[in-house]
Amino acid sequence: MTGTGNPASAQRYVELQQLYAEYAAALDEARYVDWAELFIDEATYKLQPRENFDRGMALCTLAFESKGMLKDRIYGIEQTLFHAPYYQRHVIGPLRIRVHKDGWKVEGNYAVFRTKVGGLSEVFNVGRFIDEVIEQPGGLRFASKHLVFDSELIPNSIIYPL
């Protein structure tokens, strides 16, 4: 609740925390349609290596420019991809919230753990997020989600959203 502009109220902070908790739960429980509904129609979603972000380079590992593109990714996950099964668990750190444009700029850290069926858990991806969240008739929604991951290498591929 720091930064420029009016800080988020205690109630708004709780609502933002709930949005991020629902985000993580939807992904951890493989409820990808519910996950996509947390975004506005014109939302952007970017997954970018830290090296490119720090250098001001636009190249992303994944870049989607609308909820429709997120839904296409969901279709690919649910209907066309075949791989050894595994689970993901998202851990989201404390939120740093600032008033921004017509909503809030929310930043924080994340870690995603992967557990292969019958195997051990491992750290899959860690980094930070830089998001824009706005109020919609159905509640708070992501206008943009920008994940900047720290690793220079990605194990195998990124199938599921982070």
C-alpha atoms as a PDB file:
ATOM      1  CA  MET A   1       0.000   0.000   0.000  1.00  0.00           C
ATOM      2  CA  THR A   2       2.935   2.261  -0.673  1.00  0.00           C
ATOM      3  CA  GLY A   3       3.946   4.518  -3.527  1.00  0.00           C
ATOM      4  CA  THR A   4       2.594   7.623  -5.163  1.00  0.00           C
ATOM      5  CA  GLY A   5      -1.039   8.619  -5.094  1.00  0.00           C
ATOM      6  CA  ASN A   6      -3.590   7.589  -2.520  1.00  0.00           C
ATOM      7  CA  PRO A   7      -2.782   4.213  -1.017  1.00  0.00           C
ATOM      8  CA  ALA A   8      -5.317   1.450  -1.327  1.00  0.00           C
ATOM      9  CA  SER A   9      -7.811   1.291   1.530  1.00  0.00           C
ATOM     10  CA  ALA A  10      -7.657  -1.672   3.885  1.00  0.00           C
ATOM     11  CA  GLN A  11     -10.767  -3.100   2.201  1.00  0.00           C
ATOM     12  CA  ARG A  12      -9.256  -2.691  -1.282  1.00  0.00           C
ATOM     13  CA  TYR A  13      -6.028  -4.325  -0.090  1.00  0.00           C
ATOM     14  CA  VAL A  14      -8.020  -7.355   1.063  1.00  0.00           C
ATOM     15  CA  GLU A  15      -9.840  -7.470  -2.301  1.00  0.00           C
ATOM     16  CA  LEU A  16      -6.546  -7.339  -4.187  1.00  0.00           C
ATOM     17  CA  GLN A  17      -5.105 -10.103  -1.989  1.00  0.00           C
ATOM     18  CA  GLN A  18      -8.197 -12.186  -2.755  1.00  0.00           C
ATOM     19  CA  LEU A  19      -7.733 -11.631  -6.509  1.00  0.00           C
ATOM     20  CA  TYR A  20      -4.170 -12.928  -6.312  1.00  0.00           C
ATOM     21  CA  ALA A  21      -5.219 -15.864  -4.121  1.00  0.00           C
ATOM     22  CA  GLU A  22      -7.900 -16.796  -6.659  1.00  0.00           C
ATOM     23  CA  TYR A  23      -5.363 -16.424  -9.486  1.00  0.00           C
ATOM     24  CA  ALA A  24      -2.990 -18.897  -7.822  1.00  0.00           C
ATOM     25  CA  ALA A  25      -5.760 -21.316  -6.834  1.00  0.00           C
ATOM     26  CA  ALA A  26      -7.248 -21.379 -10.353  1.00  0.00           C
ATOM     27  CA  LEU A  27      -3.853 -22.313 -11.814  1.00  0.00           C
ATOM     28  CA  ASP A  28      -2.955 -24.796  -9.063  1.00  0.00           C
ATOM     29  CA  GLU A  29      -6.320 -26.525  -9.471  1.00  0.00           C
ATOM     30  CA  ALA A  30      -6.131 -26.520 -13.303  1.00  0.00           C
ATOM     31  CA  ARG A  31      -9.241 -24.308 -13.552  1.00  0.00           C
ATOM     32  CA  TYR A  32      -7.932 -22.471 -16.611  1.00  0.00           C
ATOM     33  CA  VAL A  33     -11.303 -21.117 -17.754  1.00  0.00           C
ATOM     34  CA  ASP A  34     -11.749 -19.524 -14.305  1.00  0.00           C
ATOM     35  CA  TRP A  35      -8.187 -18.178 -14.565  1.00  0.00           C
ATOM     36  CA  ALA A  36      -8.931 -16.462 -17.896  1.00  0.00           C
ATOM     37  CA  GLU A  37     -12.041 -14.819 -16.405  1.00  0.00           C
ATOM     38  CA  LEU A  38      -9.769 -12.901 -14.029  1.00  0.00           C
ATOM     39  CA  PHE A  39      -8.670 -10.774 -17.031  1.00  0.00           C
ATOM     40  CA  ILE A  40     -10.492  -8.058 -18.971  1.00  0.00           C
ATOM     41  CA  ASP A  41     -11.142  -8.697 -22.674  1.00  0.00           C
ATOM     42  CA  GLU A  42      -8.296  -6.382 -23.776  1.00  0.00           C
ATOM     43  CA  ALA A  43      -5.822  -7.683 -21.215  1.00  0.00           C
ATOM     44  CA  THR A  44      -2.171  -8.363 -21.934  1.00  0.00           C
ATOM     45  CA  TYR A  45      -0.142 -11.207 -20.441  1.00  0.00           C
ATOM     46  CA  LYS A  46       3.631 -11.287 -20.823  1.00  0.00           C
ATOM     47  CA  LEU A  47       6.260 -13.676 -19.556  1.00  0.00           C
ATOM     48  CA  GLN A  48       9.699 -12.179 -20.028  1.00  0.00           C
ATOM     49  CA  PRO A  49      13.256 -13.068 -19.003  1.00  0.00           C
ATOM     50  CA  ARG A  50      14.794 -10.637 -16.540  1.00  0.00           C
ATOM     51  CA  GLU A  51      17.765 -10.076 -18.867  1.00  0.00           C
ATOM     52  CA  ASN A  52      15.485  -8.714 -21.606  1.00  0.00           C
ATOM     53  CA  PHE A  53      13.415  -6.668 -19.150  1.00  0.00           C
ATOM     54  CA  ASP A  54      16.483  -5.067 -17.566  1.00  0.00           C
ATOM     55  CA  ARG A  55      17.882  -4.159 -20.988  1.00  0.00           C
ATOM     56  CA  GLY A  56      14.603  -2.665 -22.169  1.00  0.00           C
ATOM     57  CA  MET A  57      14.239  -5.346 -24.841  1.00  0.00           C
ATOM     58  CA  ALA A  58      10.647  -6.227 -25.717  1.00  0.00           C
ATOM     59  CA  LEU A  59      11.244  -9.908 -26.555  1.00  0.00           C
ATOM     60  CA  CYS A  60       9.074 -12.157 -24.343  1.00  0.00           C
ATOM     61  CA  THR A  61       8.899 -15.917 -23.935  1.00  0.00           C
ATOM     62  CA  LEU A  62       5.093 -15.650 -24.063  1.00  0.00           C
ATOM     63  CA  ALA A  63       3.014 -12.620 -25.031  1.00  0.00           C
ATOM     64  CA  PHE A  64      -0.768 -12.555 -25.319  1.00  0.00           C
ATOM     65  CA  GLU A  65      -2.708  -9.430 -26.275  1.00  0.00           C
ATOM     66  CA  SER A  66      -6.274 -10.313 -25.282  1.00  0.00           C
ATOM     67  CA  LYS A  67      -8.423 -12.656 -23.242  1.00  0.00           C
ATOM     68  CA  GLY A  68      -9.183 -14.394 -26.537  1.00  0.00           C
ATOM     69  CA  MET A  69      -5.510 -15.289 -26.885  1.00  0.00           C
ATOM     70  CA  LEU A  70      -5.500 -16.604 -23.308  1.00  0.00           C
ATOM     71  CA  LYS A  71      -8.478 -18.794 -24.187  1.00  0.00           C
ATOM     72  CA  ASP A  72      -6.622 -20.094 -27.258  1.00  0.00           C
ATOM     73  CA  ARG A  73      -3.769 -21.083 -24.953  1.00  0.00           C
ATOM     74  CA  ILE A  74      -6.238 -22.863 -22.669  1.00  0.00           C
ATOM     75  CA  TYR A  75      -7.606 -24.783 -25.650  1.00  0.00           C
ATOM     76  CA  GLY A  76      -4.073 -25.843 -26.521  1.00  0.00           C
ATOM     77  CA  ILE A  77      -3.426 -26.976 -22.954  1.00  0.00           C
ATOM     78  CA  GLU A  78      -6.667 -28.912 -22.588  1.00  0.00           C
ATOM     79  CA  GLN A  79      -7.075 -30.330 -26.089  1.00  0.00           C
ATOM     80  CA  THR A  80      -3.720 -30.713 -27.820  1.00  0.00           C
ATOM     81  CA  LEU A  81      -0.803 -30.965 -25.394  1.00  0.00           C
ATOM     82  CA  PHE A  82       0.456 -34.312 -24.150  1.00  0.00           C
ATOM     83  CA  HIS A  83       3.245 -34.561 -21.603  1.00  0.00           C
ATOM     84  CA  ALA A  84       4.215 -36.361 -18.436  1.00  0.00           C
ATOM     85  CA  PRO A  85       1.781 -35.201 -15.743  1.00  0.00           C
ATOM     86  CA  TYR A  86       2.843 -32.793 -13.057  1.00  0.00           C
ATOM     87  CA  TYR A  87       1.323 -30.370 -10.568  1.00  0.00           C
ATOM     88  CA  GLN A  88       2.148 -26.727 -10.036  1.00  0.00           C
ATOM     89  CA  ARG A  89       1.947 -24.713  -6.839  1.00  0.00           C
ATOM     90  CA  HIS A  90       2.078 -20.905  -6.960  1.00  0.00           C
ATOM     91  CA  VAL A  91       3.365 -18.888  -4.016  1.00  0.00           C
ATOM     92  CA  ILE A  92       2.789 -15.144  -4.249  1.00  0.00           C
ATOM     93  CA  GLY A  93       4.638 -12.742  -1.971  1.00  0.00           C
ATOM     94  CA  PRO A  94       3.298  -9.585  -0.334  1.00  0.00           C
ATOM     95  CA  LEU A  95       1.726  -7.074  -2.690  1.00  0.00           C
ATOM     96  CA  ARG A  96       3.081  -3.596  -3.292  1.00  0.00           C
ATOM     97  CA  ILE A  97       0.100  -1.512  -4.386  1.00  0.00           C
ATOM     98  CA  ARG A  98       0.015   1.953  -5.914  1.00  0.00           C
ATOM     99  CA  VAL A  99      -2.823   3.939  -7.438  1.00  0.00           C
ATOM    100  CA  HIS A 100      -2.296   3.905 -11.208  1.00  0.00           C
ATOM    101  CA  LYS A 101      -4.419   5.352 -14.024  1.00  0.00           C
ATOM    102  CA  ASP A 102      -7.945   3.981 -13.507  1.00  0.00           C
ATOM    103  CA  GLY A 103      -6.892   1.275 -11.078  1.00  0.00           C
ATOM    104  CA  TRP A 104      -3.829  -0.050  -9.285  1.00  0.00           C
ATOM    105  CA  LYS A 105      -0.307  -1.013 -10.178  1.00  0.00           C
ATOM    106  CA  VAL A 106       0.502  -4.131  -8.191  1.00  0.00           C
ATOM    107  CA  GLU A 107       3.987  -5.579  -7.870  1.00  0.00           C
ATOM    108  CA  GLY A 108       5.403  -8.512  -5.973  1.00  0.00           C
ATOM    109  CA  ASN A 109       7.381 -11.721  -6.160  1.00  0.00           C
ATOM    110  CA  TYR A 110       6.266 -15.203  -7.129  1.00  0.00           C
ATOM    111  CA  ALA A 111       7.605 -18.741  -7.057  1.00  0.00           C
ATOM    112  CA  VAL A 112       6.163 -21.695  -8.936  1.00  0.00           C
ATOM    113  CA  PHE A 113       6.984 -25.198  -7.771  1.00  0.00           C
ATOM    114  CA  ARG A 114       6.484 -28.266  -9.938  1.00  0.00           C
ATOM    115  CA  THR A 115       5.881 -31.784  -8.689  1.00  0.00           C
ATOM    116  CA  LYS A 116       5.992 -34.638 -11.161  1.00  0.00           C
ATOM    117  CA  VAL A 117       3.636 -37.485 -10.337  1.00  0.00           C
ATOM    118  CA  GLY A 118       5.637 -39.971  -8.267  1.00  0.00           C
ATOM    119  CA  GLY A 119       8.565 -37.557  -8.058  1.00  0.00           C
ATOM    120  CA  LEU A 120      10.003 -34.809  -5.957  1.00  0.00           C
ATOM    121  CA  SER A 121       8.994 -31.175  -5.937  1.00  0.00           C
ATOM    122  CA  GLU A 122      11.325 -28.668  -7.576  1.00  0.00           C
ATOM    123  CA  VAL A 123      11.508 -24.934  -8.062  1.00  0.00           C
ATOM    124  CA  PHE A 124      10.199 -24.385 -11.587  1.00  0.00           C
ATOM    125  CA  ASN A 125      10.175 -20.605 -12.027  1.00  0.00           C
ATOM    126  CA  VAL A 126      10.700 -17.542  -9.842  1.00  0.00           C
ATOM    127  CA  GLY A 127      10.531 -13.842 -10.472  1.00  0.00           C
ATOM    128  CA  ARG A 128       8.344 -10.821 -10.004  1.00  0.00           C
ATOM    129  CA  PHE A 129       5.133  -9.514 -11.461  1.00  0.00           C
ATOM    130  CA  ILE A 130       4.207  -6.008 -12.521  1.00  0.00           C
ATOM    131  CA  ASP A 131       0.442  -5.859 -13.013  1.00  0.00           C
ATOM    132  CA  GLU A 132      -2.339  -3.395 -13.651  1.00  0.00           C
ATOM    133  CA  VAL A 133      -5.649  -4.188 -11.967  1.00  0.00           C
ATOM    134  CA  ILE A 134      -8.917  -2.365 -12.579  1.00  0.00           C
ATOM    135  CA  GLU A 135     -12.440  -2.418 -11.157  1.00  0.00           C
ATOM    136  CA  GLN A 136     -15.044  -4.126 -13.347  1.00  0.00           C
ATOM    137  CA  PRO A 137     -18.754  -4.804 -12.752  1.00  0.00           C
ATOM    138  CA  GLY A 138     -17.876  -8.368 -11.657  1.00  0.00           C
ATOM    139  CA  GLY A 139     -15.033  -7.265  -9.376  1.00  0.00           C
ATOM    140  CA  LEU A 140     -11.330  -6.621  -9.770  1.00  0.00           C
ATOM    141  CA  ARG A 141      -9.691  -7.879 -12.980  1.00  0.00           C
ATOM    142  CA  PHE A 142      -6.241  -7.865 -14.533  1.00  0.00           C
ATOM    143  CA  ALA A 143      -5.769  -5.308 -17.317  1.00  0.00           C
ATOM    144  CA  SER A 144      -2.168  -6.447 -17.705  1.00  0.00           C
ATOM    145  CA  LYS A 145       0.033  -9.096 -16.151  1.00  0.00           C
ATOM    146  CA  HIS A 146       3.764  -8.903 -16.736  1.00  0.00           C
ATOM    147  CA  LEU A 147       5.835 -11.688 -15.195  1.00  0.00           C
ATOM    148  CA  VAL A 148       9.597 -11.175 -15.237  1.00  0.00           C
ATOM    149  CA  PHE A 149      11.410 -14.422 -14.438  1.00  0.00           C
ATOM    150  CA  ASP A 150      14.914 -14.539 -12.982  1.00  0.00           C
ATOM    151  CA  SER A 151      16.261 -17.717 -14.601  1.00  0.00           C
ATOM    152  CA  GLU A 152      18.207 -17.515 -17.816  1.00  0.00           C
ATOM    153  CA  LEU A 153      17.147 -21.046 -18.662  1.00  0.00           C
ATOM    154  CA  ILE A 154      13.683 -22.574 -18.687  1.00  0.00           C
ATOM    155  CA  PRO A 155      13.488 -26.304 -17.950  1.00  0.00           C
ATOM    156  CA  ASN A 156      11.922 -28.002 -20.995  1.00  0.00           C
ATOM    157  CA  SER A 157       9.029 -25.672 -21.780  1.00  0.00           C
ATOM    158  CA  ILE A 158       6.400 -23.545 -20.151  1.00  0.00           C
ATOM    159  CA  ILE A 159       3.089 -25.257 -20.758  1.00  0.00           C
ATOM    160  CA  TYR A 160       0.843 -23.787 -18.081  1.00  0.00           C
ATOM    161  CA  PRO A 161       0.436 -20.108 -17.234  1.00  0.00           C
ATOM    162  CA  LEU A 162       2.561 -18.839 -14.362  1.00  0.00           C
END
